[in-house]
PDB file of N, CA and C in Angstrom:
ATOM      1  N   MET A   1       0.837  -1.182   0.000  1.00  0.00           N
ATOM      2  CA  MET A   1       0.000   0.000   0.000  1.00  0.00           C
ATOM      3  C   MET A   1       0.886   1.251   0.000  1.00  0.00           C
ATOM      4  N   GLU A   2       0.581   2.160  -0.864  1.00  0.00           N
ATOM      5  CA  GLU A   2       1.355   3.388  -1.024  1.00  0.00           C
ATOM      6  C   GLU A   2       0.813   4.473  -0.104  1.00  0.00           C
ATOM      7  N   VAL A   3       1.714   5.119   0.633  1.00  0.00           N
ATOM      8  CA  VAL A   3       1.329   6.229   1.497  1.00  0.00           C
ATOM      9  C   VAL A   3       1.690   7.521   0.771  1.00  0.00           C
ATOM     10  N   ARG A   4       0.712   8.398   0.687  1.00  0.00           N
ATOM     11  CA  ARG A   4       0.913   9.644  -0.033  1.00  0.00           C
ATOM     12  C   ARG A   4       0.831  10.813   0.945  1.00  0.00           C
ATOM     13  N   LEU A   5       1.892  11.628   0.952  1.00  0.00           N
ATOM     14  CA  LEU A   5       1.897  12.818   1.800  1.00  0.00           C
ATOM     15  C   LEU A   5       1.039  13.910   1.174  1.00  0.00           C
ATOM     16  N   PRO A   6       0.395  14.717   1.989  1.00  0.00           N
ATOM     17  CA  PRO A   6      -0.375  15.849   1.440  1.00  0.00           C
ATOM     18  C   PRO A   6       0.550  16.847   0.742  1.00  0.00           C
ATOM     19  N   ASP A   7      -0.001  17.556  -0.216  1.00  0.00           N
ATOM     20  CA  ASP A   7       0.784  18.527  -0.983  1.00  0.00           C
ATOM     21  C   ASP A   7       1.423  19.585  -0.089  1.00  0.00           C
ATOM     22  N   LEU A   8       0.700  20.024   0.926  1.00  0.00           N
ATOM     23  CA  LEU A   8       1.232  21.040   1.826  1.00  0.00           C
ATOM     24  C   LEU A   8       2.471  20.536   2.561  1.00  0.00           C
ATOM     25  N   ALA A   9       2.463  19.287   2.980  1.00  0.00           N
ATOM     26  CA  ALA A   9       3.626  18.704   3.663  1.00  0.00           C
ATOM     27  C   ALA A   9       4.808  18.574   2.692  1.00  0.00           C
ATOM     28  N   LEU A  10       4.522  18.126   1.478  1.00  0.00           N
ATOM     29  CA  LEU A  10       5.586  18.021   0.472  1.00  0.00           C
ATOM     30  C   LEU A  10       6.174  19.395   0.164  1.00  0.00           C
ATOM     31  N   LYS A  11       5.317  20.389   0.025  1.00  0.00           N
ATOM     32  CA  LYS A  11       5.789  21.737  -0.280  1.00  0.00           C
ATOM     33  C   LYS A  11       6.695  22.251   0.841  1.00  0.00           C
ATOM     34  N   ARG A  12       6.329  21.960   2.081  1.00  0.00           N
ATOM     35  CA  ARG A  12       7.153  22.384   3.222  1.00  0.00           C
ATOM     36  C   ARG A  12       8.509  21.677   3.193  1.00  0.00           C
ATOM     37  N   ILE A  13       8.519  20.387   2.916  1.00  0.00           N
ATOM     38  CA  ILE A  13       9.773  19.632   2.832  1.00  0.00           C
ATOM     39  C   ILE A  13      10.626  20.144   1.672  1.00  0.00           C
ATOM     40  N   PHE A  14       9.996  20.347   0.521  1.00  0.00           N
ATOM     41  CA  PHE A  14      10.722  20.813  -0.666  1.00  0.00           C
ATOM     42  C   PHE A  14      11.277  22.226  -0.484  1.00  0.00           C
ATOM     43  N   SER A  15      10.692  23.008   0.418  1.00  0.00           N
ATOM     44  CA  SER A  15      11.168  24.380   0.615  1.00  0.00           C
ATOM     45  C   SER A  15      12.577  24.426   1.210  1.00  0.00           C
ATOM     46  N   PHE A  16      13.042  23.311   1.768  1.00  0.00           N
ATOM     47  CA  PHE A  16      14.402  23.249   2.321  1.00  0.00           C
ATOM     48  C   PHE A  16      15.439  22.802   1.291  1.00  0.00           C
ATOM     49  N   LEU A  17      14.993  22.432   0.100  1.00  0.00           N
ATOM     50  CA  LEU A  17      15.907  21.931  -0.932  1.00  0.00           C
ATOM     51  C   LEU A  17      16.525  23.067  -1.726  1.00  0.00           C
ATOM     52  N   ASP A  18      17.732  22.818  -2.231  1.00  0.00           N
ATOM     53  CA  ASP A  18      18.341  23.778  -3.153  1.00  0.00           C
ATOM     54  C   ASP A  18      17.735  23.556  -4.545  1.00  0.00           C
ATOM     55  N   VAL A  19      18.107  24.401  -5.476  1.00  0.00           N
ATOM     56  CA  VAL A  19      17.518  24.357  -6.820  1.00  0.00           C
ATOM     57  C   VAL A  19      17.780  23.023  -7.511  1.00  0.00           C
ATOM     58  N   PHE A  20      19.003  22.543  -7.453  1.00  0.00           N
ATOM     59  CA  PHE A  20      19.343  21.291  -8.120  1.00  0.00           C
ATOM     60  C   PHE A  20      18.522  20.132  -7.551  1.00  0.00           C
ATOM     61  N   SER A  21      18.408  20.066  -6.236  1.00  0.00           N
ATOM     62  CA  SER A  21      17.631  19.004  -5.605  1.00  0.00           C
ATOM     63  C   SER A  21      16.147  19.124  -5.933  1.00  0.00           C
ATOM     64  N   LEU A  22      15.660  20.354  -6.005  1.00  0.00           N
ATOM     65  CA  LEU A  22      14.255  20.566  -6.361  1.00  0.00           C
ATOM     66  C   LEU A  22      13.981  20.066  -7.779  1.00  0.00           C
ATOM     67  N   LEU A  23      14.913  20.297  -8.685  1.00  0.00           N
ATOM     68  CA  LEU A  23      14.758  19.785 -10.051  1.00  0.00           C
ATOM     69  C   LEU A  23      14.802  18.253 -10.067  1.00  0.00           C
ATOM     70  N   GLN A  24      15.606  17.673  -9.190  1.00  0.00           N
ATOM     71  CA  GLN A  24      15.681  16.211  -9.133  1.00  0.00           C
ATOM     72  C   GLN A  24      14.404  15.591  -8.576  1.00  0.00           C
ATOM     73  N   VAL A  25      13.869  16.147  -7.494  1.00  0.00           N
ATOM     74  CA  VAL A  25      12.655  15.546  -6.918  1.00  0.00           C
ATOM     75  C   VAL A  25      11.464  15.703  -7.855  1.00  0.00           C
ATOM     76  N   SER A  26      11.512  16.689  -8.739  1.00  0.00           N
ATOM     77  CA  SER A  26      10.404  16.853  -9.688  1.00  0.00           C
ATOM     78  C   SER A  26      10.342  15.707 -10.693  1.00  0.00           C
ATOM     79  N   GLN A  27      11.403  14.894 -10.745  1.00  0.00           N
ATOM     80  CA  GLN A  27      11.431  13.772 -11.686  1.00  0.00           C
ATOM     81  C   GLN A  27      10.997  12.451 -11.050  1.00  0.00           C
ATOM     82  N   VAL A  28      10.638  12.468  -9.774  1.00  0.00           N
ATOM     83  CA  VAL A  28      10.274  11.228  -9.080  1.00  0.00           C
ATOM     84  C   VAL A  28       8.943  10.685  -9.583  1.00  0.00           C
ATOM     85  N   ASN A  29       7.900  11.494  -9.529  1.00  0.00           N
ATOM     86  CA  ASN A  29       6.595  11.088 -10.056  1.00  0.00           C
ATOM     87  C   ASN A  29       5.760  12.337 -10.351  1.00  0.00           C
ATOM     88  N   LYS A  30       4.571  12.136 -10.870  1.00  0.00           N
ATOM     89  CA  LYS A  30       3.738  13.263 -11.292  1.00  0.00           C
ATOM     90  C   LYS A  30       3.332  14.148 -10.116  1.00  0.00           C
ATOM     91  N   ASP A  31       3.016  13.533  -8.984  1.00  0.00           N
ATOM     92  CA  ASP A  31       2.606  14.318  -7.817  1.00  0.00           C
ATOM     93  C   ASP A  31       3.740  15.216  -7.332  1.00  0.00           C
ATOM     94  N   TRP A  32       4.927  14.646  -7.218  1.00  0.00           N
ATOM     95  CA  TRP A  32       6.067  15.426  -6.755  1.00  0.00           C
ATOM     96  C   TRP A  32       6.422  16.500  -7.786  1.00  0.00           C
ATOM     97  N   ASN A  33       6.274  16.189  -9.060  1.00  0.00           N
ATOM     98  CA  ASN A  33       6.549  17.165 -10.110  1.00  0.00           C
ATOM     99  C   ASN A  33       5.613  18.357  -9.974  1.00  0.00           C
ATOM    100  N   ARG A  34       4.339  18.090  -9.759  1.00  0.00           N
ATOM    101  CA  ARG A  34       3.348  19.158  -9.634  1.00  0.00           C
ATOM    102  C   ARG A  34       3.680  20.059  -8.442  1.00  0.00           C
ATOM    103  N   VAL A  35       4.051  19.453  -7.315  1.00  0.00           N
ATOM    104  CA  VAL A  35       4.377  20.234  -6.118  1.00  0.00           C
ATOM    105  C   VAL A  35       5.702  20.985  -6.306  1.00  0.00           C
ATOM    106  N   ALA A  36       6.692  20.321  -6.883  1.00  0.00           N
ATOM    107  CA  ALA A  36       8.012  20.947  -7.074  1.00  0.00           C
ATOM    108  C   ALA A  36       7.966  22.090  -8.085  1.00  0.00           C
ATOM    109  N   ASP A  37       6.982  22.110  -8.955  1.00  0.00           N
ATOM    110  CA  ASP A  37       6.846  23.186  -9.935  1.00  0.00           C
ATOM    111  C   ASP A  37       6.028  24.364  -9.412  1.00  0.00           C
ATOM    112  N   SER A  38       5.654  24.345  -8.154  1.00  0.00           N
ATOM    113  CA  SER A  38       4.786  25.397  -7.623  1.00  0.00           C
ATOM    114  C   SER A  38       5.497  26.751  -7.633  1.00  0.00           C
ATOM    115  N   ASN A  39       4.726  27.767  -7.926  1.00  0.00           N
ATOM    116  CA  ASN A  39       5.263  29.128  -7.961  1.00  0.00           C
ATOM    117  C   ASN A  39       5.809  29.548  -6.604  1.00  0.00           C
ATOM    118  N   TYR A  40       5.226  29.044  -5.540  1.00  0.00           N
ATOM    119  CA  TYR A  40       5.672  29.384  -4.183  1.00  0.00           C
ATOM    120  C   TYR A  40       7.152  29.027  -4.000  1.00  0.00           C
ATOM    121  N   LEU A  41       7.538  27.826  -4.382  1.00  0.00           N
ATOM    122  CA  LEU A  41       8.922  27.375  -4.206  1.00  0.00           C
ATOM    123  C   LEU A  41       9.887  28.143  -5.106  1.00  0.00           C
ATOM    124  N   TRP A  42       9.530  28.321  -6.361  1.00  0.00           N
ATOM    125  CA  TRP A  42      10.431  28.982  -7.312  1.00  0.00           C
ATOM    126  C   TRP A  42      10.516  30.480  -7.071  1.00  0.00           C
ATOM    127  N   ARG A  43       9.436  31.075  -6.565  1.00  0.00           N
ATOM    128  CA  ARG A  43       9.492  32.497  -6.208  1.00  0.00           C
ATOM    129  C   ARG A  43      10.454  32.682  -5.031  1.00  0.00           C
ATOM    130  N   ALA A  44      10.401  31.770  -4.074  1.00  0.00           N
ATOM    131  CA  ALA A  44      11.307  31.848  -2.919  1.00  0.00           C
ATOM    132  C   ALA A  44      12.767  31.748  -3.365  1.00  0.00           C
ATOM    133  N   HIS A  45      13.061  30.848  -4.288  1.00  0.00           N
ATOM    134  CA  HIS A  45      14.444  30.724  -4.792  1.00  0.00           C
ATOM    135  C   HIS A  45      14.853  31.971  -5.573  1.00  0.00           C
ATOM    136  N   SER A  46      13.925  32.531  -6.355  1.00  0.00           N
ATOM    137  CA  SER A  46      14.228  33.740  -7.123  1.00  0.00           C
ATOM    138  C   SER A  46      14.505  34.921  -6.204  1.00  0.00           C
ATOM    139  N   LEU A  47      13.689  35.077  -5.177  1.00  0.00           N
ATOM    140  CA  LEU A  47      13.885  36.181  -4.228  1.00  0.00           C
ATOM    141  C   LEU A  47      15.178  36.019  -3.446  1.00  0.00           C
ATOM    142  N   GLN A  48      15.548  34.785  -3.175  1.00  0.00           N
ATOM    143  CA  GLN A  48      16.771  34.517  -2.441  1.00  0.00           C
ATOM    144  C   GLN A  48      18.003  34.865  -3.284  1.00  0.00           C
ATOM    145  N   ARG A  49      17.913  34.661  -4.582  1.00  0.00           N
ATOM    146  CA  ARG A  49      19.070  34.852  -5.463  1.00  0.00           C
ATOM    147  C   ARG A  49      19.154  36.270  -6.035  1.00  0.00           C
ATOM    148  N   TRP A  50      18.022  36.846  -6.416  1.00  0.00           N
ATOM    149  CA  TRP A  50      17.991  38.170  -7.044  1.00  0.00           C
ATOM    150  C   TRP A  50      16.966  39.048  -6.337  1.00  0.00           C
ATOM    151  N   ASP A  51      17.079  40.341  -6.564  1.00  0.00           N
ATOM    152  CA  ASP A  51      16.086  41.265  -6.026  1.00  0.00           C
ATOM    153  C   ASP A  51      14.957  41.413  -7.042  1.00  0.00           C
ATOM    154  N   CYS A  52      13.994  40.555  -6.942  1.00  0.00           N
ATOM    155  CA  CYS A  52      12.850  40.624  -7.860  1.00  0.00           C
ATOM    156  C   CYS A  52      11.552  40.742  -7.067  1.00  0.00           C
ATOM    157  N   SER A  53      11.622  41.432  -5.933  1.00  0.00           N
ATOM    158  CA  SER A  53      10.457  41.563  -5.071  1.00  0.00           C
ATOM    159  C   SER A  53       9.352  42.393  -5.712  1.00  0.00           C
ATOM    160  N   SER A  54       9.696  43.204  -6.698  1.00  0.00           N
ATOM    161  CA  SER A  54       8.681  44.024  -7.358  1.00  0.00           C
ATOM    162  C   SER A  54       7.913  43.253  -8.434  1.00  0.00           C
ATOM    163  N   ILE A  55       8.370  42.058  -8.771  1.00  0.00           N
ATOM    164  CA  ILE A  55       7.698  41.248  -9.797  1.00  0.00           C
ATOM    165  C   ILE A  55       6.539  40.488  -9.158  1.00  0.00           C
ATOM    166  N   THR A  56       5.390  40.594  -9.762  1.00  0.00           N
ATOM    167  CA  THR A  56       4.214  39.861  -9.289  1.00  0.00           C
ATOM    168  C   THR A  56       3.827  38.813 -10.322  1.00  0.00           C
ATOM    169  N   ASP A  57       2.901  37.963  -9.960  1.00  0.00           N
ATOM    170  CA  ASP A  57       2.423  36.951 -10.905  1.00  0.00           C
ATOM    171  C   ASP A  57       1.815  37.609 -12.134  1.00  0.00           C
ATOM    172  N   ARG A  58       1.215  38.778 -11.960  1.00  0.00           N
ATOM    173  CA  ARG A  58       0.619  39.487 -13.084  1.00  0.00           C
ATOM    174  C   ARG A  58       1.691  39.947 -14.079  1.00  0.00           C
ATOM    175  N   HIS A  59       2.884  40.324 -13.570  1.00  0.00           N
ATOM    176  CA  HIS A  59       3.980  40.733 -14.453  1.00  0.00           C
ATOM    177  C   HIS A  59       4.497  39.561 -15.282  1.00  0.00           C
ATOM    178  N   LEU A  60       4.439  38.373 -14.707  1.00  0.00           N
ATOM    179  CA  LEU A  60       4.961  37.196 -15.406  1.00  0.00           C
ATOM    180  C   LEU A  60       4.100  36.798 -16.598  1.00  0.00           C
ATOM    181  N   GLY A  61       2.827  37.118 -16.536  1.00  0.00           N
ATOM    182  CA  GLY A  61       1.929  36.744 -17.625  1.00  0.00           C
ATOM    183  C   GLY A  61       1.766  35.243 -17.707  1.00  0.00           C
ATOM    184  N   ALA A  62       2.103  34.672 -18.852  1.00  0.00           N
ATOM    185  CA  ALA A  62       1.946  33.230 -19.073  1.00  0.00           C
ATOM    186  C   ALA A  62       3.137  32.439 -18.537  1.00  0.00           C
ATOM    187  N   PHE A  63       4.167  33.132 -18.061  1.00  0.00           N
ATOM    188  CA  PHE A  63       5.356  32.444 -17.567  1.00  0.00           C
ATOM    189  C   PHE A  63       5.200  32.074 -16.098  1.00  0.00           C
ATOM    190  N   THR A  64       5.995  31.122 -15.663  1.00  0.00           N
ATOM    191  CA  THR A  64       5.992  30.708 -14.268  1.00  0.00           C
ATOM    192  C   THR A  64       7.259  31.214 -13.596  1.00  0.00           C
ATOM    193  N   TRP A  65       7.277  31.149 -12.275  1.00  0.00           N
ATOM    194  CA  TRP A  65       8.476  31.549 -11.533  1.00  0.00           C
ATOM    195  C   TRP A  65       9.639  30.610 -11.851  1.00  0.00           C
ATOM    196  N   LYS A  66       9.335  29.363 -12.109  1.00  0.00           N
ATOM    197  CA  LYS A  66      10.393  28.409 -12.476  1.00  0.00           C
ATOM    198  C   LYS A  66      11.031  28.827 -13.795  1.00  0.00           C
ATOM    199  N   GLN A  67      10.219  29.197 -14.771  1.00  0.00           N
ATOM    200  CA  GLN A  67      10.742  29.627 -16.062  1.00  0.00           C
ATOM    201  C   GLN A  67      11.576  30.901 -15.910  1.00  0.00           C
ATOM    202  N   LEU A  68      11.108  31.835 -15.080  1.00  0.00           N
ATOM    203  CA  LEU A  68      11.876  33.053 -14.840  1.00  0.00           C
ATOM    204  C   LEU A  68      13.214  32.724 -14.191  1.00  0.00           C
ATOM    205  N   PHE A  69      13.212  31.854 -13.184  1.00  0.00           N
ATOM    206  CA  PHE A  69      14.440  31.486 -12.503  1.00  0.00           C
ATOM    207  C   PHE A  69      15.431  30.852 -13.473  1.00  0.00           C
ATOM    208  N   LEU A  70      14.979  29.890 -14.253  1.00  0.00           N
ATOM    209  CA  LEU A  70      15.873  29.188 -15.180  1.00  0.00           C
ATOM    210  C   LEU A  70      16.387  30.127 -16.271  1.00  0.00           C
ATOM    211  N   HIS A  71      15.541  31.047 -16.719  1.00  0.00           N
ATOM    212  CA  HIS A  71      15.963  32.015 -17.732  1.00  0.00           C
ATOM    213  C   HIS A  71      17.057  32.936 -17.174  1.00  0.00           C
ATOM    214  N   GLN A  72      16.839  33.461 -15.962  1.00  0.00           N
ATOM    215  CA  GLN A  72      17.829  34.329 -15.343  1.00  0.00           C
ATOM    216  C   GLN A  72      19.132  33.577 -15.079  1.00  0.00           C
ATOM    217  N   ARG A  73      19.029  32.331 -14.679  1.00  0.00           N
ATOM    218  CA  ARG A  73      20.217  31.515 -14.400  1.00  0.00           C
ATOM    219  C   ARG A  73      21.019  31.283 -15.679  1.00  0.00           C
ATOM    220  N   ARG A  74      20.316  31.045 -16.804  1.00  0.00           N
ATOM    221  CA  ARG A  74      21.001  30.880 -18.091  1.00  0.00           C
ATOM    222  C   ARG A  74      21.733  32.155 -18.481  1.00  0.00           C
ATOM    223  N   LYS A  75      21.106  33.307 -18.238  1.00  0.00           N
ATOM    224  CA  LYS A  75      21.759  34.576 -18.541  1.00  0.00           C
ATOM    225  C   LYS A  75      23.026  34.742 -17.705  1.00  0.00           C
ATOM    226  N   GLU A  76      22.952  34.394 -16.426  1.00  0.00           N
ATOM    227  CA  GLU A  76      24.138  34.458 -15.569  1.00  0.00           C
ATOM    228  C   GLU A  76      25.250  33.552 -16.090  1.00  0.00           C
ATOM    229  N   LEU A  77      24.871  32.366 -16.500  1.00  0.00           N
ATOM    230  CA  LEU A  77      25.849  31.408 -17.010  1.00  0.00           C
ATOM    231  C   LEU A  77      26.525  31.928 -18.269  1.00  0.00           C
ATOM    232  N   ARG A  78      25.745  32.477 -19.187  1.00  0.00           N
ATOM    233  CA  ARG A  78      26.318  33.040 -20.420  1.00  0.00           C
ATOM    234  C   ARG A  78      27.303  34.152 -20.102  1.00  0.00           C
ATOM    235  N   LEU A  79      26.941  35.038 -19.188  1.00  0.00           N
ATOM    236  CA  LEU A  79      27.834  36.145 -18.853  1.00  0.00           C
ATOM    237  C   LEU A  79      29.073  35.676 -18.111  1.00  0.00           C
ATOM    238  N   SER A  80      28.948  34.639 -17.283  1.00  0.00           N
ATOM    239  CA  SER A  80      30.122  34.148 -16.562  1.00  0.00           C
ATOM    240  C   SER A  80      31.101  33.442 -17.489  1.00  0.00           C
ATOM    241  N   LEU A  81      30.611  32.899 -18.588  1.00  0.00           N
ATOM    242  CA  LEU A  81      31.477  32.211 -19.544  1.00  0.00           C
ATOM    243  C   LEU A  81      32.064  33.151 -20.594  1.00  0.00           C
ATOM    244  N   ALA A  82      31.619  34.400 -20.591  1.00  0.00           N
ATOM    245  CA  ALA A  82      32.065  35.355 -21.600  1.00  0.00           C
ATOM    246  C   ALA A  82      33.528  35.720 -21.398  1.00  0.00           C
ATOM    247  N   GLN A  83      34.209  35.896 -22.492  1.00  0.00           N
ATOM    248  CA  GLN A  83      35.606  36.318 -22.512  1.00  0.00           C
ATOM    249  C   GLN A  83      35.670  37.715 -23.128  1.00  0.00           C
ATOM    250  N   PRO A  84      36.736  38.481 -22.863  1.00  0.00           N
ATOM    251  CA  PRO A  84      36.838  39.824 -23.453  1.00  0.00           C
ATOM    252  C   PRO A  84      36.746  39.817 -24.981  1.00  0.00           C
ATOM    253  N   ASP A  85      37.190  38.745 -25.622  1.00  0.00           N
ATOM    254  CA  ASP A  85      37.120  38.671 -27.087  1.00  0.00           C
ATOM    255  C   ASP A  85      35.691  38.520 -27.588  1.00  0.00           C
ATOM    256  N   ASN A  86      34.766  38.195 -26.714  1.00  0.00           N
ATOM    257  CA  ASN A  86      33.378  38.001 -27.115  1.00  0.00           C
ATOM    258  C   ASN A  86      32.618  39.316 -27.247  1.00  0.00           C
ATOM    259  N   PHE A  87      33.263  40.428 -26.906  1.00  0.00           N
ATOM    260  CA  PHE A  87      32.610  41.722 -26.971  1.00  0.00           C
ATOM    261  C   PHE A  87      33.267  42.572 -28.046  1.00  0.00           C
ATOM    262  N   THR A  88      32.444  43.303 -28.773  1.00  0.00           N
ATOM    263  CA  THR A  88      32.960  44.256 -29.743  1.00  0.00           C
ATOM    264  C   THR A  88      32.393  45.629 -29.405  1.00  0.00           C
ATOM    265  N   TYR A  89      33.158  46.644 -29.661  1.00  0.00           N
ATOM    266  CA  TYR A  89      32.748  48.007 -29.368  1.00  0.00           C
ATOM    267  C   TYR A  89      32.477  48.701 -30.685  1.00  0.00           C
ATOM    268  N   LYS A  90      31.235  49.162 -30.870  1.00  0.00           N
ATOM    269  CA  LYS A  90      30.873  49.797 -32.125  1.00  0.00           C
ATOM    270  C   LYS A  90      30.430  51.235 -31.878  1.00  0.00           C
ATOM    271  N   ILE A  91      30.824  52.119 -32.786  1.00  0.00           N
ATOM    272  CA  ILE A  91      30.323  53.494 -32.766  1.00  0.00           C
ATOM    273  C   ILE A  91      29.531  53.672 -34.046  1.00  0.00           C
ATOM    274  N   THR A  92      28.279  54.017 -33.888  1.00  0.00           N
ATOM    275  CA  THR A  92      27.428  54.238 -35.054  1.00  0.00           C
ATOM    276  C   THR A  92      27.033  55.705 -35.084  1.00  0.00           C
ATOM    277  N   LYS A  93      26.820  56.215 -36.267  1.00  0.00           N
ATOM    278  CA  LYS A  93      26.438  57.620 -36.417  1.00  0.00           C
ATOM    279  C   LYS A  93      25.026  57.677 -36.974  1.00  0.00           C
ATOM    280  N   ASN A  94      24.188  58.442 -36.271  1.00  0.00           N
ATOM    281  CA  ASN A  94      22.801  58.644 -36.692  1.00  0.00           C
ATOM    282  C   ASN A  94      22.524  60.142 -36.737  1.00  0.00           C
ATOM    283  N   THR A  95      21.669  60.561 -37.632  1.00  0.00           N
ATOM    284  CA  THR A  95      21.308  61.972 -37.673  1.00  0.00           C
ATOM    285  C   THR A  95      20.246  62.223 -36.620  1.00  0.00           C
ATOM    286  N   GLY A  96      20.325  63.371 -35.992  1.00  0.00           N
ATOM    287  CA  GLY A  96      19.346  63.750 -34.976  1.00  0.00           C
ATOM    288  C   GLY A  96      18.001  64.028 -35.621  1.00  0.00           C
ATOM    289  N   MET A  97      16.958  63.874 -34.868  1.00  0.00           N
ATOM    290  CA  MET A  97      15.609  64.071 -35.403  1.00  0.00           C
ATOM    291  C   MET A  97      15.313  65.557 -35.557  1.00  0.00           C
ATOM    292  N   GLY A  98      15.177  65.997 -36.777  1.00  0.00           N
ATOM    293  CA  GLY A  98      14.771  67.357 -37.061  1.00  0.00           C
ATOM    294  C   GLY A  98      15.854  68.409 -36.864  1.00  0.00           C
ATOM    295  N   THR A  99      16.939  68.100 -36.191  1.00  0.00           N
ATOM    296  CA  THR A  99      17.968  69.103 -35.923  1.00  0.00           C
ATOM    297  C   THR A  99      19.039  69.109 -36.990  1.00  0.00           C
ATOM    298  N   GLY A 100      19.151  68.016 -37.721  1.00  0.00           N
ATOM    299  CA  GLY A 100      20.191  67.926 -38.719  1.00  0.00           C
ATOM    300  C   GLY A 100      21.558  67.669 -38.102  1.00  0.00           C
ATOM    301  N   ALA A 101      21.621  67.603 -36.791  1.00  0.00           N
ATOM    302  CA  ALA A 101      22.899  67.368 -36.115  1.00  0.00           C
ATOM    303  C   ALA A 101      23.270  65.899 -36.192  1.00  0.00           C
ATOM    304  N   LEU A 102      24.545  65.650 -36.166  1.00  0.00           N
ATOM    305  CA  LEU A 102      25.065  64.290 -36.213  1.00  0.00           C
ATOM    306  C   LEU A 102      25.331  63.812 -34.790  1.00  0.00           C
ATOM    307  N   GLU A 103      24.762  62.680 -34.415  1.00  0.00           N
ATOM    308  CA  GLU A 103      24.947  62.155 -33.067  1.00  0.00           C
ATOM    309  C   GLU A 103      25.732  60.853 -33.140  1.00  0.00           C
ATOM    310  N   GLU A 104      26.633  60.659 -32.198  1.00  0.00           N
ATOM    311  CA  GLU A 104      27.365  59.406 -32.116  1.00  0.00           C
ATOM    312  C   GLU A 104      26.765  58.558 -31.006  1.00  0.00           C
ATOM    313  N   HIS A 105      26.517  57.306 -31.303  1.00  0.00           N
ATOM    314  CA  HIS A 105      25.989  56.377 -30.318  1.00  0.00           C
ATOM    315  C   HIS A 105      27.008  55.269 -30.118  1.00  0.00           C
ATOM    316  N   GLU A 106      27.359  55.035 -28.874  1.00  0.00           N
ATOM    317  CA  GLU A 106      28.308  53.985 -28.564  1.00  0.00           C
ATOM    318  C   GLU A 106      27.529  52.772 -28.073  1.00  0.00           C
ATOM    319  N   GLN A 107      28.001  51.610 -28.459  1.00  0.00           N
ATOM    320  CA  GLN A 107      27.277  50.399 -28.126  1.00  0.00           C
ATOM    321  C   GLN A 107      28.260  49.268 -27.859  1.00  0.00           C
ATOM    322  N   LEU A 108      28.035  48.551 -26.768  1.00  0.00           N
ATOM    323  CA  LEU A 108      28.821  47.372 -26.446  1.00  0.00           C
ATOM    324  C   LEU A 108      27.973  46.163 -26.821  1.00  0.00           C
ATOM    325  N   VAL A 109      28.470  45.335 -27.710  1.00  0.00           N
ATOM    326  CA  VAL A 109      27.698  44.218 -28.239  1.00  0.00           C
ATOM    327  C   VAL A 109      28.324  42.905 -27.777  1.00  0.00           C
ATOM    328  N   PHE A 110      27.491  42.016 -27.275  1.00  0.00           N
ATOM    329  CA  PHE A 110      27.944  40.711 -26.808  1.00  0.00           C
ATOM    330  C   PHE A 110      27.962  39.743 -27.985  1.00  0.00           C
ATOM    331  N   ARG A 111      29.108  39.160 -28.271  1.00  0.00           N
ATOM    332  CA  ARG A 111      29.255  38.207 -29.374  1.00  0.00           C
ATOM    333  C   ARG A 111      29.857  36.916 -28.839  1.00  0.00           C
ATOM    334  N   SER A 112      29.061  36.083 -28.234  1.00  0.00           N
ATOM    335  CA  SER A 112      29.572  34.844 -27.663  1.00  0.00           C
ATOM    336  C   SER A 112      29.155  33.665 -28.534  1.00  0.00           C
ATOM    337  N   PRO A 113      30.054  32.722 -28.760  1.00  0.00           N
ATOM    338  CA  PRO A 113      29.664  31.517 -29.491  1.00  0.00           C
ATOM    339  C   PRO A 113      28.671  30.682 -28.696  1.00  0.00           C
ATOM    340  N   LEU A 114      28.619  30.892 -27.382  1.00  0.00           N
ATOM    341  CA  LEU A 114      27.682  30.140 -26.549  1.00  0.00           C
ATOM    342  C   LEU A 114      26.279  30.729 -26.587  1.00  0.00           C
ATOM    343  N   TYR A 115      26.139  31.946 -27.119  1.00  0.00           N
ATOM    344  CA  TYR A 115      24.833  32.605 -27.119  1.00  0.00           C
ATOM    345  C   TYR A 115      23.768  31.757 -27.797  1.00  0.00           C
ATOM    346  N   TRP A 116      24.074  31.188 -28.931  1.00  0.00           N
ATOM    347  CA  TRP A 116      23.080  30.434 -29.678  1.00  0.00           C
ATOM    348  C   TRP A 116      22.751  29.107 -29.020  1.00  0.00           C
ATOM    349  N   ILE A 117      23.638  28.598 -28.186  1.00  0.00           N
ATOM    350  CA  ILE A 117      23.354  27.357 -27.458  1.00  0.00           C
ATOM    351  C   ILE A 117      22.374  27.613 -26.320  1.00  0.00           C
ATOM    352  N   PHE A 118      22.590  28.725 -25.586  1.00  0.00           N
ATOM    353  CA  PHE A 118      21.801  28.999 -24.396  1.00  0.00           C
ATOM    354  C   PHE A 118      20.651  29.956 -24.623  1.00  0.00           C
ATOM    355  N   ALA A 119      20.513  30.508 -25.815  1.00  0.00           N
ATOM    356  CA  ALA A 119      19.462  31.485 -26.065  1.00  0.00           C
ATOM    357  C   ALA A 119      18.096  30.842 -25.906  1.00  0.00           C
ATOM    358  N   VAL A 120      17.197  31.606 -25.334  1.00  0.00           N
ATOM    359  CA  VAL A 120      15.834  31.093 -25.103  1.00  0.00           C
ATOM    360  C   VAL A 120      14.915  31.688 -26.129  1.00  0.00           C
TER     361      VAL A 120
END
C-alpha cells in the first residue's frame, strides 16, 4: 500500500531543498513534479538569489516563476562564460531628429559563441 503525503507537507519539505535538488525531486513522479513546480517554491528561490520583489504573478503573464528562474540563471551562465574577445565596441552615427545634427551612439555588443546554445 502506497502512502501519499499531502501537498502542503511536500511543499514544506521541498522548501528546504536547493535548486538542483528541487529539479531532481520533480522527476520522481507526477505528484512530486506538480508540487516541485509550484510558484511558491520557485518564487522563494528567485527572491533569495535576485532582487525581484517588485515582480508579481501578473507581471509574469503566461510564464511561471520556475521559467523566470531558469531564464535568469542561463543569462548568468552566459555572462560568466564570456571572454573579453566576445565583446565588440561599435560606434554608429545617426542623424538627430529634425535638428540635422550628427549624433554618435556607442554600443557594447555581446558576441559569444555560446549565445546560440543557451538562447531562449
